C-alpha atoms as a PDB file:
ATOM      1  CA  UNK A   1     -88.417 -57.654  84.073  1.00  0.00           C
ATOM      2  CA  UNK A   2     -85.095 -56.279  83.815  1.00  0.00           C
ATOM      3  CA  UNK A   3     -82.471 -56.874  86.044  1.00  0.00           C
ATOM      4  CA  UNK A   4     -78.919 -57.074  86.762  1.00  0.00           C
ATOM      5  CA  UNK A   5     -77.955 -60.914  86.442  1.00  0.00           C
ATOM      6  CA  UNK A   6     -76.749 -62.775  89.504  1.00  0.00           C
ATOM      7  CA  UNK A   7     -72.975 -63.129  88.399  1.00  0.00           C
ATOM      8  CA  UNK A   8     -71.316 -66.806  88.688  1.00  0.00           C
ATOM      9  CA  UNK A   9     -67.515 -66.309  90.302  1.00  0.00           C
ATOM     10  CA  UNK A  10     -67.069 -70.015  90.030  1.00  0.00           C
ATOM     11  CA  UNK A  11     -68.356 -71.083  86.462  1.00  0.00           C
ATOM     12  CA  UNK A  12     -68.902 -74.812  85.968  1.00  0.00           C
ATOM     13  CA  UNK A  13     -67.955 -76.847  83.363  1.00  0.00           C
ATOM     14  CA  UNK A  14     -70.859 -78.763  81.305  1.00  0.00           C
ATOM     15  CA  UNK A  15     -70.595 -81.966  80.675  1.00  0.00           C
ATOM     16  CA  UNK A  16     -72.657 -85.676  79.679  1.00  0.00           C
ATOM     17  CA  UNK A  17     -71.953 -88.939  80.761  1.00  0.00           C
ATOM     18  CA  UNK A  18     -73.378 -92.277  79.585  1.00  0.00           C
ATOM     19  CA  UNK A  19     -75.294 -93.707  82.731  1.00  0.00           C
ATOM     20  CA  UNK A  20     -77.683 -96.773  82.032  1.00  0.00           C
ATOM     21  CA  UNK A  21     -78.673 -95.529  78.756  1.00  0.00           C
ATOM     22  CA  UNK A  22     -78.790 -92.143  79.376  1.00  0.00           C
ATOM     23  CA  UNK A  23     -76.795 -89.181  78.329  1.00  0.00           C
ATOM     24  CA  UNK A  24     -76.178 -87.799  82.641  1.00  0.00           C
ATOM     25  CA  UNK A  25     -75.578 -84.227  82.506  1.00  0.00           C
ATOM     26  CA  UNK A  26     -73.010 -83.198  85.224  1.00  0.00           C
ATOM     27  CA  UNK A  27     -71.796 -79.738  85.901  1.00  0.00           C
ATOM     28  CA  UNK A  28     -68.237 -79.844  87.876  1.00  0.00           C
ATOM     29  CA  UNK A  29     -66.000 -77.549  89.580  1.00  0.00           C
ATOM     30  CA  UNK A  30     -62.243 -78.070  89.980  1.00  0.00           C
ATOM     31  CA  UNK A  31     -60.253 -81.430  89.094  1.00  0.00           C
ATOM     32  CA  UNK A  32     -60.077 -84.945  91.040  1.00  0.00           C
ATOM     33  CA  UNK A  33     -57.241 -84.938  93.854  1.00  0.00           C
ATOM     34  CA  UNK A  34     -55.777 -87.289  95.730  1.00  0.00           C
ATOM     35  CA  UNK A  35     -55.853 -84.938  98.600  1.00  0.00           C
ATOM     36  CA  UNK A  36     -59.241 -84.557  99.186  1.00  0.00           C
ATOM     37  CA  UNK A  37     -62.648 -86.632  98.616  1.00  0.00           C
ATOM     38  CA  UNK A  38     -64.907 -85.450  96.035  1.00  0.00           C
ATOM     39  CA  UNK A  39     -67.960 -83.173  96.906  1.00  0.00           C
ATOM     40  CA  UNK A  40     -71.171 -84.591  95.314  1.00  0.00           C
ATOM     41  CA  UNK A  41     -74.088 -82.650  95.447  1.00  0.00           C
ATOM     42  CA  UNK A  42     -77.531 -84.062  94.445  1.00  0.00           C
ATOM     43  CA  UNK A  43     -80.450 -81.897  93.687  1.00  0.00           C
ATOM     44  CA  UNK A  44     -84.257 -82.078  94.868  1.00  0.00           C
ATOM     45  CA  UNK A  45     -87.503 -82.722  93.253  1.00  0.00           C
ATOM     46  CA  UNK A  46     -88.144 -80.504  90.147  1.00  0.00           C
ATOM     47  CA  UNK A  47     -84.898 -78.546  90.645  1.00  0.00           C
ATOM     48  CA  UNK A  48     -81.411 -78.820  88.653  1.00  0.00           C
ATOM     49  CA  UNK A  49     -77.662 -79.481  89.443  1.00  0.00           C
ATOM     50  CA  UNK A  50     -77.091 -75.591  88.780  1.00  0.00           C
ATOM     51  CA  UNK A  51     -79.047 -75.220  91.890  1.00  0.00           C
ATOM     52  CA  UNK A  52     -76.105 -75.473  94.083  1.00  0.00           C
ATOM     53  CA  UNK A  53     -73.774 -72.781  91.994  1.00  0.00           C
ATOM     54  CA  UNK A  54     -74.713 -70.091  94.452  1.00  0.00           C
ATOM     55  CA  UNK A  55     -73.491 -72.097  97.207  1.00  0.00           C
ATOM     56  CA  UNK A  56     -70.237 -73.349  95.394  1.00  0.00           C
ATOM     57  CA  UNK A  57     -69.579 -69.580  94.527  1.00  0.00           C
ATOM     58  CA  UNK A  58     -69.329 -68.749  98.537  1.00  0.00           C
ATOM     59  CA  UNK A  59     -67.047 -71.731  99.237  1.00  0.00           C
ATOM     60  CA  UNK A  60     -63.978 -70.704 100.830  1.00  0.00           C
ATOM     61  CA  UNK A  61     -60.802 -70.581  98.586  1.00  0.00           C
ATOM     62  CA  UNK A  62     -58.786 -72.915 101.109  1.00  0.00           C
ATOM     63  CA  UNK A  63     -61.685 -75.425 100.754  1.00  0.00           C
ATOM     64  CA  UNK A  64     -61.861 -75.455  97.059  1.00  0.00           C
ATOM     65  CA  UNK A  65     -58.262 -75.732  96.710  1.00  0.00           C
ATOM     66  CA  UNK A  66     -57.621 -79.229  95.422  1.00  0.00           C
ATOM     67  CA  UNK A  67     -61.222 -79.998  95.302  1.00  0.00           C
ATOM     68  CA  UNK A  68     -63.389 -81.555  92.746  1.00  0.00           C
ATOM     69  CA  UNK A  69     -67.284 -81.140  93.021  1.00  0.00           C
ATOM     70  CA  UNK A  70     -69.766 -82.289  91.020  1.00  0.00           C
ATOM     71  CA  UNK A  71     -73.883 -81.752  90.663  1.00  0.00           C
ATOM     72  CA  UNK A  72     -75.718 -83.894  88.602  1.00  0.00           C
ATOM     73  CA  UNK A  73     -79.299 -83.678  87.379  1.00  0.00           C
ATOM     74  CA  UNK A  74     -80.979 -86.856  88.042  1.00  0.00           C
ATOM     75  CA  UNK A  75     -82.828 -88.680  85.419  1.00  0.00           C
ATOM     76  CA  UNK A  76     -85.799 -86.770  84.007  1.00  0.00           C
ATOM     77  CA  UNK A  77     -84.781 -83.361  85.271  1.00  0.00           C
ATOM     78  CA  UNK A  78     -82.306 -80.438  83.389  1.00  0.00           C
ATOM     79  CA  UNK A  79     -80.641 -81.771  80.825  1.00  0.00           C
ATOM     80  CA  UNK A  80     -80.317 -85.297  81.490  1.00  0.00           C
ATOM     81  CA  UNK A  81     -82.455 -87.442  79.060  1.00  0.00           C
ATOM     82  CA  UNK A  82     -82.786 -84.410  76.799  1.00  0.00           C
ATOM     83  CA  UNK A  83     -81.422 -84.276  73.417  1.00  0.00           C
ATOM     84  CA  UNK A  84     -78.901 -82.034  73.605  1.00  0.00           C
ATOM     85  CA  UNK A  85     -78.354 -82.086  69.453  1.00  0.00           C
ATOM     86  CA  UNK A  86     -82.142 -80.928  68.665  1.00  0.00           C
ATOM     87  CA  UNK A  87     -82.855 -79.296  71.574  1.00  0.00           C
ATOM     88  CA  UNK A  88     -86.171 -80.422  71.389  1.00  0.00           C
ATOM     89  CA  UNK A  89     -87.185 -80.789  74.963  1.00  0.00           C
ATOM     90  CA  UNK A  90     -87.767 -84.850  73.869  1.00  0.00           C
ATOM     91  CA  UNK A  91     -87.025 -86.982  76.763  1.00  0.00           C
ATOM     92  CA  UNK A  92     -85.462 -90.400  76.112  1.00  0.00           C
ATOM     93  CA  UNK A  93     -85.771 -93.472  76.705  1.00  0.00           C
ATOM     94  CA  UNK A  94     -89.647 -93.114  77.155  1.00  0.00           C
ATOM     95  CA  UNK A  95     -91.175 -93.148  80.473  1.00  0.00           C
ATOM     96  CA  UNK A  96     -94.209 -92.241  82.096  1.00  0.00           C
ATOM     97  CA  UNK A  97     -93.198 -92.809  85.499  1.00  0.00           C
ATOM     98  CA  UNK A  98     -90.589 -92.354  87.872  1.00  0.00           C
ATOM     99  CA  UNK A  99     -89.098 -95.635  90.100  1.00  0.00           C
ATOM    100  CA  UNK A 100     -86.839 -94.383  93.512  1.00  0.00           C
ATOM    101  CA  UNK A 101     -84.638 -97.312  93.212  1.00  0.00           C
ATOM    102  CA  UNK A 102     -83.202 -95.641  89.945  1.00  0.00           C
ATOM    103  CA  UNK A 103     -82.061 -93.145  91.443  1.00  0.00           C
ATOM    104  CA  UNK A 104     -79.792 -94.991  93.880  1.00  0.00           C
ATOM    105  CA  UNK A 105     -78.589 -97.257  90.511  1.00  0.00           C
ATOM    106  CA  UNK A 106     -77.815 -93.886  89.003  1.00  0.00           C
ATOM    107  CA  UNK A 107     -75.916 -92.423  91.477  1.00  0.00           C
ATOM    108  CA  UNK A 108     -74.081 -95.625  91.749  1.00  0.00           C
ATOM    109  CA  UNK A 109     -72.648 -95.745  88.329  1.00  0.00           C
ATOM    110  CA  UNK A 110     -72.331 -91.887  88.800  1.00  0.00           C
ATOM    111  CA  UNK A 111     -69.602 -92.623  91.456  1.00  0.00           C
ATOM    112  CA  UNK A 112     -68.450 -95.679  89.300  1.00  0.00           C
ATOM    113  CA  UNK A 113     -67.160 -92.931  86.852  1.00  0.00           C
ATOM    114  CA  UNK A 114     -66.136 -90.421  88.950  1.00  0.00           C
ATOM    115  CA  UNK A 115     -64.712 -91.583  92.057  1.00  0.00           C
ATOM    116  CA  UNK A 116     -64.383 -95.547  91.761  1.00  0.00           C
ATOM    117  CA  UNK A 117     -62.043 -96.007  94.290  1.00  0.00           C
ATOM    118  CA  UNK A 118     -62.475 -93.638  96.574  1.00  0.00           C
ATOM    119  CA  UNK A 119     -65.382 -92.617  99.215  1.00  0.00           C
ATOM    120  CA  UNK A 120     -66.981 -89.749  98.637  1.00  0.00           C
ATOM    121  CA  UNK A 121     -68.456 -86.626 100.712  1.00  0.00           C
ATOM    122  CA  UNK A 122     -72.073 -87.146  99.433  1.00  0.00           C
ATOM    123  CA  UNK A 123     -75.175 -84.111  99.589  1.00  0.00           C
ATOM    124  CA  UNK A 124     -78.284 -84.095  99.050  1.00  0.00           C
ATOM    125  CA  UNK A 125     -81.533 -81.882  99.002  1.00  0.00           C
ATOM    126  CA  UNK A 126     -84.663 -82.633  99.325  1.00  0.00           C
ATOM    127  CA  UNK A 127     -85.771 -85.813  97.442  1.00  0.00           C
ATOM    128  CA  UNK A 128     -81.966 -85.871  96.965  1.00  0.00           C
ATOM    129  CA  UNK A 129     -81.606 -86.047 100.493  1.00  0.00           C
ATOM    130  CA  UNK A 130     -83.830 -88.988 100.640  1.00  0.00           C
ATOM    131  CA  UNK A 131     -81.808 -90.623  97.801  1.00  0.00           C
ATOM    132  CA  UNK A 132     -78.724 -90.124  99.551  1.00  0.00           C
ATOM    133  CA  UNK A 133     -79.649 -91.391 103.138  1.00  0.00           C
ATOM    134  CA  UNK A 134     -80.931 -94.778 101.158  1.00  0.00           C
ATOM    135  CA  UNK A 135     -78.042 -95.071  99.051  1.00  0.00           C
ATOM    136  CA  UNK A 136     -75.311 -94.687 101.909  1.00  0.00           C
ATOM    137  CA  UNK A 137     -77.202 -97.428 103.861  1.00  0.00           C
ATOM    138  CA  UNK A 138     -76.961 -99.604 100.839  1.00  0.00           C
ATOM    139  CA  UNK A 139     -73.626 -99.134 100.019  1.00  0.00           C
ATOM    140  CA  UNK A 140     -72.009 -97.217 103.178  1.00  0.00           C
ATOM    141  CA  UNK A 141     -68.402 -98.188 101.848  1.00  0.00           C
ATOM    142  CA  UNK A 142     -68.256 -95.262  99.506  1.00  0.00           C
ATOM    143  CA  UNK A 143     -69.462 -92.538 101.604  1.00  0.00           C
ATOM    144  CA  UNK A 144     -66.778 -90.471 103.666  1.00  0.00           C
ATOM    145  CA  UNK A 145     -69.321 -87.756 104.777  1.00  0.00           C
ATOM    146  CA  UNK A 146     -73.134 -87.702 104.250  1.00  0.00           C
ATOM    147  CA  UNK A 147     -75.492 -84.377 104.651  1.00  0.00           C
ATOM    148  CA  UNK A 148     -78.850 -84.573 103.973  1.00  0.00           C
ATOM    149  CA  UNK A 149     -80.427 -80.647 103.163  1.00  0.00           C
ATOM    150  CA  UNK A 150     -84.279 -81.335 104.437  1.00  0.00           C
ATOM    151  CA  UNK A 151     -84.802 -84.865 103.039  1.00  0.00           C
ATOM    152  CA  UNK A 152     -87.476 -86.006 105.324  1.00  0.00           C
ATOM    153  CA  UNK A 153     -88.559 -88.702 103.444  1.00  0.00           C
ATOM    154  CA  UNK A 154     -92.593 -89.403 103.062  1.00  0.00           C
ATOM    155  CA  UNK A 155     -95.649 -90.277 105.718  1.00  0.00           C
ATOM    156  CA  UNK A 156     -95.730 -93.791 106.998  1.00  0.00           C
ATOM    157  CA  UNK A 157     -97.823 -96.413 104.467  1.00  0.00           C
ATOM    158  CA  UNK A 158     -99.342 -99.716 105.667  1.00  0.00           C
ATOM    159  CA  UNK A 159    -100.392-102.937 103.809  1.00  0.00           C
ATOM    160  CA  UNK A 160    -103.796-102.008 103.282  1.00  0.00           C
ATOM    161  CA  UNK A 161    -102.987 -99.113 101.210  1.00  0.00           C
ATOM    162  CA  UNK A 162    -101.716-100.941  98.822  1.00  0.00           C
ATOM    163  CA  UNK A 163    -104.809-101.933  96.649  1.00  0.00           C
ATOM    164  CA  UNK A 164    -105.598 -97.679  96.633  1.00  0.00           C
ATOM    165  CA  UNK A 165    -102.541 -96.696  96.068  1.00  0.00           C
ATOM    166  CA  UNK A 166    -101.862 -99.382  92.728  1.00  0.00           C
ATOM    167  CA  UNK A 167    -105.313 -97.936  91.516  1.00  0.00           C
ATOM    168  CA  UNK A 168    -104.311 -94.334  92.024  1.00  0.00           C
ATOM    169  CA  UNK A 169    -101.192 -94.840  90.236  1.00  0.00           C
ATOM    170  CA  UNK A 170    -102.605 -96.585  87.413  1.00  0.00           C
ATOM    171  CA  UNK A 171    -105.340 -93.907  87.161  1.00  0.00           C
ATOM    172  CA  UNK A 172    -102.547 -90.905  86.957  1.00  0.00           C
ATOM    173  CA  UNK A 173    -100.884 -92.816  84.282  1.00  0.00           C
ATOM    174  CA  UNK A 174    -103.871 -92.603  81.770  1.00  0.00           C
ATOM    175  CA  UNK A 175    -103.765 -88.891  82.938  1.00  0.00           C
ATOM    176  CA  UNK A 176    -100.359 -88.380  82.119  1.00  0.00           C
ATOM    177  CA  UNK A 177    -100.831 -90.029  78.771  1.00  0.00           C
ATOM    178  CA  UNK A 178    -104.280 -88.269  77.821  1.00  0.00           C
ATOM    179  CA  UNK A 179    -101.900 -84.961  78.134  1.00  0.00           C
ATOM    180  CA  UNK A 180    -103.097 -83.444  81.448  1.00  0.00           C
ATOM    181  CA  UNK A 181    -100.173 -83.974  83.627  1.00  0.00           C
ATOM    182  CA  UNK A 182     -98.196 -81.367  81.399  1.00  0.00           C
ATOM    183  CA  UNK A 183     -95.680 -79.050  83.001  1.00  0.00           C
ATOM    184  CA  UNK A 184     -96.915 -75.351  82.306  1.00  0.00           C
ATOM    185  CA  UNK A 185     -94.805 -73.446  79.696  1.00  0.00           C
ATOM    186  CA  UNK A 186     -94.233 -69.973  80.350  1.00  0.00           C
ATOM    187  CA  UNK A 187     -93.906 -67.385  77.815  1.00  0.00           C
ATOM    188  CA  UNK A 188     -90.640 -65.771  78.286  1.00  0.00           C
ATOM    189  CA  UNK A 189     -87.490 -66.534  80.812  1.00  0.00           C
ATOM    190  CA  UNK A 190     -88.918 -63.694  83.007  1.00  0.00           C
ATOM    191  CA  UNK A 191     -92.053 -65.536  83.984  1.00  0.00           C
ATOM    192  CA  UNK A 192     -89.961 -68.647  85.099  1.00  0.00           C
ATOM    193  CA  UNK A 193     -88.420 -66.272  87.291  1.00  0.00           C
ATOM    194  CA  UNK A 194     -90.857 -64.972  88.620  1.00  0.00           C
ATOM    195  CA  UNK A 195     -92.532 -68.704  89.245  1.00  0.00           C
ATOM    196  CA  UNK A 196     -89.283 -69.132  91.178  1.00  0.00           C
ATOM    197  CA  UNK A 197     -89.741 -66.412  93.284  1.00  0.00           C
ATOM    198  CA  UNK A 198     -93.490 -67.081  93.959  1.00  0.00           C
ATOM    199  CA  UNK A 199     -92.471 -70.764  95.272  1.00  0.00           C
ATOM    200  CA  UNK A 200     -89.603 -69.170  97.435  1.00  0.00           C
ATOM    201  CA  UNK A 201     -89.893 -65.286  98.652  1.00  0.00           C
ATOM    202  CA  UNK A 202     -86.587 -65.122  99.441  1.00  0.00           C
ATOM    203  CA  UNK A 203     -85.104 -65.720  96.187  1.00  0.00           C
ATOM    204  CA  UNK A 204     -83.626 -62.648  95.220  1.00  0.00           C
ATOM    205  CA  UNK A 205     -84.560 -61.539  91.314  1.00  0.00           C
ATOM    206  CA  UNK A 206     -81.248 -61.886  90.477  1.00  0.00           C
ATOM    207  CA  UNK A 207     -80.585 -64.757  91.360  1.00  0.00           C
ATOM    208  CA  UNK A 208     -84.061 -66.310  90.240  1.00  0.00           C
ATOM    209  CA  UNK A 209     -83.026 -64.751  86.408  1.00  0.00           C
ATOM    210  CA  UNK A 210     -79.810 -66.365  86.462  1.00  0.00           C
ATOM    211  CA  UNK A 211     -81.527 -70.360  87.708  1.00  0.00           C
ATOM    212  CA  UNK A 212     -84.298 -69.451  85.477  1.00  0.00           C
ATOM    213  CA  UNK A 213     -81.754 -70.131  82.383  1.00  0.00           C
ATOM    214  CA  UNK A 214     -80.890 -73.472  84.140  1.00  0.00           C
ATOM    215  CA  UNK A 215     -84.829 -74.128  84.940  1.00  0.00           C
ATOM    216  CA  UNK A 216     -85.832 -74.067  81.619  1.00  0.00           C
ATOM    217  CA  UNK A 217     -85.468 -73.600  78.143  1.00  0.00           C
ATOM    218  CA  UNK A 218     -87.101 -72.383  74.693  1.00  0.00           C
ATOM    219  CA  UNK A 219     -89.353 -75.229  73.137  1.00  0.00           C
ATOM    220  CA  UNK A 220     -90.355 -75.236  69.535  1.00  0.00           C
ATOM    221  CA  UNK A 221     -93.055 -72.973  69.885  1.00  0.00           C
ATOM    222  CA  UNK A 222     -90.839 -70.108  71.621  1.00  0.00           C
ATOM    223  CA  UNK A 223     -92.259 -70.946  74.938  1.00  0.00           C
ATOM    224  CA  UNK A 224     -89.631 -71.434  77.899  1.00  0.00           C
ATOM    225  CA  UNK A 225     -90.477 -75.165  79.001  1.00  0.00           C
ATOM    226  CA  UNK A 226     -89.450 -76.289  82.487  1.00  0.00           C
ATOM    227  CA  UNK A 227     -86.406 -78.883  82.067  1.00  0.00           C
ATOM    228  CA  UNK A 228     -88.348 -81.650  84.068  1.00  0.00           C
ATOM    229  CA  UNK A 229     -90.336 -84.507  82.815  1.00  0.00           C
ATOM    230  CA  UNK A 230     -93.853 -84.164  83.789  1.00  0.00           C
ATOM    231  CA  UNK A 231     -93.910 -88.013  84.497  1.00  0.00           C
ATOM    232  CA  UNK A 232     -92.330 -86.956  87.823  1.00  0.00           C
ATOM    233  CA  UNK A 233     -95.883 -85.964  88.991  1.00  0.00           C
ATOM    234  CA  UNK A 234     -97.165 -89.254  88.876  1.00  0.00           C
ATOM    235  CA  UNK A 235     -97.222 -90.941  92.314  1.00  0.00           C
ATOM    236  CA  UNK A 236     -94.765 -94.127  93.023  1.00  0.00           C
ATOM    237  CA  UNK A 237     -97.062 -97.181  93.305  1.00  0.00           C
ATOM    238  CA  UNK A 238     -94.981 -98.907  95.706  1.00  0.00           C
ATOM    239  CA  UNK A 239     -96.105 -97.815  99.799  1.00  0.00           C
ATOM    240  CA  UNK A 240     -93.612 -96.237 101.655  1.00  0.00           C
ATOM    241  CA  UNK A 241     -91.945 -98.547 103.803  1.00  0.00           C
ATOM    242  CA  UNK A 242     -90.515 -97.488 106.765  1.00  0.00           C
ATOM    243  CA  UNK A 243     -88.679-100.773 107.992  1.00  0.00           C
ATOM    244  CA  UNK A 244     -87.129-100.748 105.211  1.00  0.00           C
ATOM    245  CA  UNK A 245     -85.782 -97.075 105.687  1.00  0.00           C
ATOM    246  CA  UNK A 246     -85.192 -97.427 109.039  1.00  0.00           C
ATOM    247  CA  UNK A 247     -82.870-100.757 107.859  1.00  0.00           C
ATOM    248  CA  UNK A 248     -81.213 -98.852 105.715  1.00  0.00           C
ATOM    249  CA  UNK A 249     -80.378 -96.004 107.857  1.00  0.00           C
ATOM    250  CA  UNK A 250     -79.247 -98.330 110.634  1.00  0.00           C
ATOM    251  CA  UNK A 251     -76.410 -99.291 108.183  1.00  0.00           C
ATOM    252  CA  UNK A 252     -74.908 -96.168 107.251  1.00  0.00           C
ATOM    253  CA  UNK A 253     -71.351 -95.869 108.377  1.00  0.00           C
ATOM    254  CA  UNK A 254     -70.284 -92.084 107.751  1.00  0.00           C
ATOM    255  CA  UNK A 255     -70.868 -89.332 109.795  1.00  0.00           C
ATOM    256  CA  UNK A 256     -74.035 -88.005 109.202  1.00  0.00           C
ATOM    257  CA  UNK A 257     -75.327 -84.509 109.186  1.00  0.00           C
ATOM    258  CA  UNK A 258     -79.047 -83.483 108.882  1.00  0.00           C
ATOM    259  CA  UNK A 259     -79.287 -80.167 108.445  1.00  0.00           C
ATOM    260  CA  UNK A 260     -82.693 -78.090 108.554  1.00  0.00           C
ATOM    261  CA  UNK A 261     -84.348 -74.576 107.672  1.00  0.00           C
ATOM    262  CA  UNK A 262     -85.767 -72.432 110.493  1.00  0.00           C
ATOM    263  CA  UNK A 263     -88.848 -72.304 108.517  1.00  0.00           C
ATOM    264  CA  UNK A 264     -90.740 -76.035 108.863  1.00  0.00           C
ATOM    265  CA  UNK A 265     -92.487 -76.431 105.902  1.00  0.00           C
ATOM    266  CA  UNK A 266     -93.825 -79.885 106.771  1.00  0.00           C
ATOM    267  CA  UNK A 267     -97.069 -79.065 108.472  1.00  0.00           C
ATOM    268  CA  UNK A 268     -97.772 -77.427 105.543  1.00  0.00           C
ATOM    269  CA  UNK A 269     -96.909 -80.110 103.216  1.00  0.00           C
ATOM    270  CA  UNK A 270     -98.200 -82.920 104.974  1.00  0.00           C
ATOM    271  CA  UNK A 271    -101.289 -81.298 106.949  1.00  0.00           C
ATOM    272  CA  UNK A 272    -100.257 -83.534 110.229  1.00  0.00           C
ATOM    273  CA  UNK A 273     -99.878 -86.923 108.313  1.00  0.00           C
ATOM    274  CA  UNK A 274     -96.226 -86.502 108.822  1.00  0.00           C
ATOM    275  CA  UNK A 275     -94.418 -84.221 111.190  1.00  0.00           C
ATOM    276  CA  UNK A 276     -90.903 -83.105 111.873  1.00  0.00           C
ATOM    277  CA  UNK A 277     -91.259 -85.083 115.402  1.00  0.00           C
ATOM    278  CA  UNK A 278     -91.790 -88.301 113.426  1.00  0.00           C
ATOM    279  CA  UNK A 279     -88.382 -87.317 111.290  1.00  0.00           C
ATOM    280  CA  UNK A 280     -86.384 -86.739 114.370  1.00  0.00           C
ATOM    281  CA  UNK A 281     -87.517 -90.325 115.685  1.00  0.00           C
ATOM    282  CA  UNK A 282     -86.133 -91.420 112.621  1.00  0.00           C
ATOM    283  CA  UNK A 283     -82.768 -90.069 112.958  1.00  0.00           C
ATOM    284  CA  UNK A 284     -82.238 -91.653 115.788  1.00  0.00           C
ATOM    285  CA  UNK A 285     -81.665 -94.967 113.618  1.00  0.00           C
ATOM    286  CA  UNK A 286     -78.390 -93.265 112.619  1.00  0.00           C
ATOM    287  CA  UNK A 287     -75.257 -94.500 114.022  1.00  0.00           C
ATOM    288  CA  UNK A 288     -73.228 -91.144 113.902  1.00  0.00           C
ATOM    289  CA  UNK A 289     -75.567 -88.248 113.419  1.00  0.00           C
ATOM    290  CA  UNK A 290     -75.192 -84.118 113.907  1.00  0.00           C
ATOM    291  CA  UNK A 291     -78.074 -82.025 113.370  1.00  0.00           C
ATOM    292  CA  UNK A 292     -77.782 -78.424 112.427  1.00  0.00           C
ATOM    293  CA  UNK A 293     -80.089 -75.302 111.563  1.00  0.00           C
ATOM    294  CA  UNK A 294     -79.622 -72.434 109.082  1.00  0.00           C
ATOM    295  CA  UNK A 295     -81.368 -69.414 110.456  1.00  0.00           C
ATOM    296  CA  UNK A 296     -83.955 -67.426 107.916  1.00  0.00           C
ATOM    297  CA  UNK A 297     -84.179 -69.980 105.322  1.00  0.00           C
ATOM    298  CA  UNK A 298     -86.879 -72.137 103.886  1.00  0.00           C
ATOM    299  CA  UNK A 299     -86.391 -75.161 102.337  1.00  0.00           C
ATOM    300  CA  UNK A 300     -84.746 -74.071  99.349  1.00  0.00           C
ATOM    301  CA  UNK A 301     -81.768 -73.245 102.059  1.00  0.00           C
ATOM    302  CA  UNK A 302     -78.924 -73.753  99.309  1.00  0.00           C
ATOM    303  CA  UNK A 303     -80.636 -70.595  97.809  1.00  0.00           C
ATOM    304  CA  UNK A 304     -81.987 -68.540 100.707  1.00  0.00           C
ATOM    305  CA  UNK A 305     -78.375 -69.152 102.996  1.00  0.00           C
ATOM    306  CA  UNK A 306     -75.538 -70.188 100.912  1.00  0.00           C
ATOM    307  CA  UNK A 307     -73.152 -68.454 103.108  1.00  0.00           C
ATOM    308  CA  UNK A 308     -74.392 -70.531 106.171  1.00  0.00           C
ATOM    309  CA  UNK A 309     -74.561 -73.992 104.348  1.00  0.00           C
ATOM    310  CA  UNK A 310     -71.102 -73.473 102.980  1.00  0.00           C
ATOM    311  CA  UNK A 311     -69.596 -73.086 106.182  1.00  0.00           C
ATOM    312  CA  UNK A 312     -71.222 -76.309 107.832  1.00  0.00           C
ATOM    313  CA  UNK A 313     -70.236 -78.541 104.457  1.00  0.00           C
ATOM    314  CA  UNK A 314     -66.579 -77.239 104.827  1.00  0.00           C
ATOM    315  CA  UNK A 315     -66.763 -77.637 108.929  1.00  0.00           C
ATOM    316  CA  UNK A 316     -68.478 -80.960 108.349  1.00  0.00           C
ATOM    317  CA  UNK A 317     -65.954 -82.289 105.450  1.00  0.00           C
ATOM    318  CA  UNK A 318     -62.715 -81.180 106.543  1.00  0.00           C
END
């Protein structure tokens, strides 16, 4: 599959930062400024920080002036936890599942490094949207503006589900250790690009080919391996406690923008177990909430309509 690769307009700087016994990979644009809050972009499940490149490229020159932007790879994604010296695709420290509170703590340490004395404008997509919403409730003083991109959360659970949940968690751990939860490798970068386009039919070939270079890399066998730890496929042992989430939402002090795509995919994901109407009800607990819709877009709205999203972010963070 030969094509013209997407041409980056604003190249990012790649850095590794020691965070909680991990080398956290962070992309950045611009330099820290005393005039504007840093803009922090957190990606979603099975994604990478480079996913925001298309949106960063279409931010206006006026917005980018004296603006510092960072986009980390969460733990177990991209190059965070990947040994950069050997390119062996060995993740460390060894973990066989991921705990949601760790994302909040990682974000807190990252802000200690990049913005220890100033509130930030914080953006999160999907899983990252769920993280930033909860983090903003736990550390309200650290957020100037909060933007949630399709971070809907999870279906409500009940205490009676705990026995089955813990049993399923242990079963999945065994499946992982038996090598049955591995992420499929691809013969080449073109195969990765095709996979990205299958997941998101709106993603153009040039963007998919560029993103494939950041979403995967060759392994020791010469195949292209997705830069995501297979342990992310293991369910969380803890139940989703709606009362805890709503308490965090109520404690958010920053003006909050909730952005949705015009194509609602929640019915497809949850088969009626959790609906968009339920999510909107949860949002009523956020004190200063604004909602926006990105037209002609699916869940990966920062790929589908980067221009629309860039304008929303610029207007909201003025």
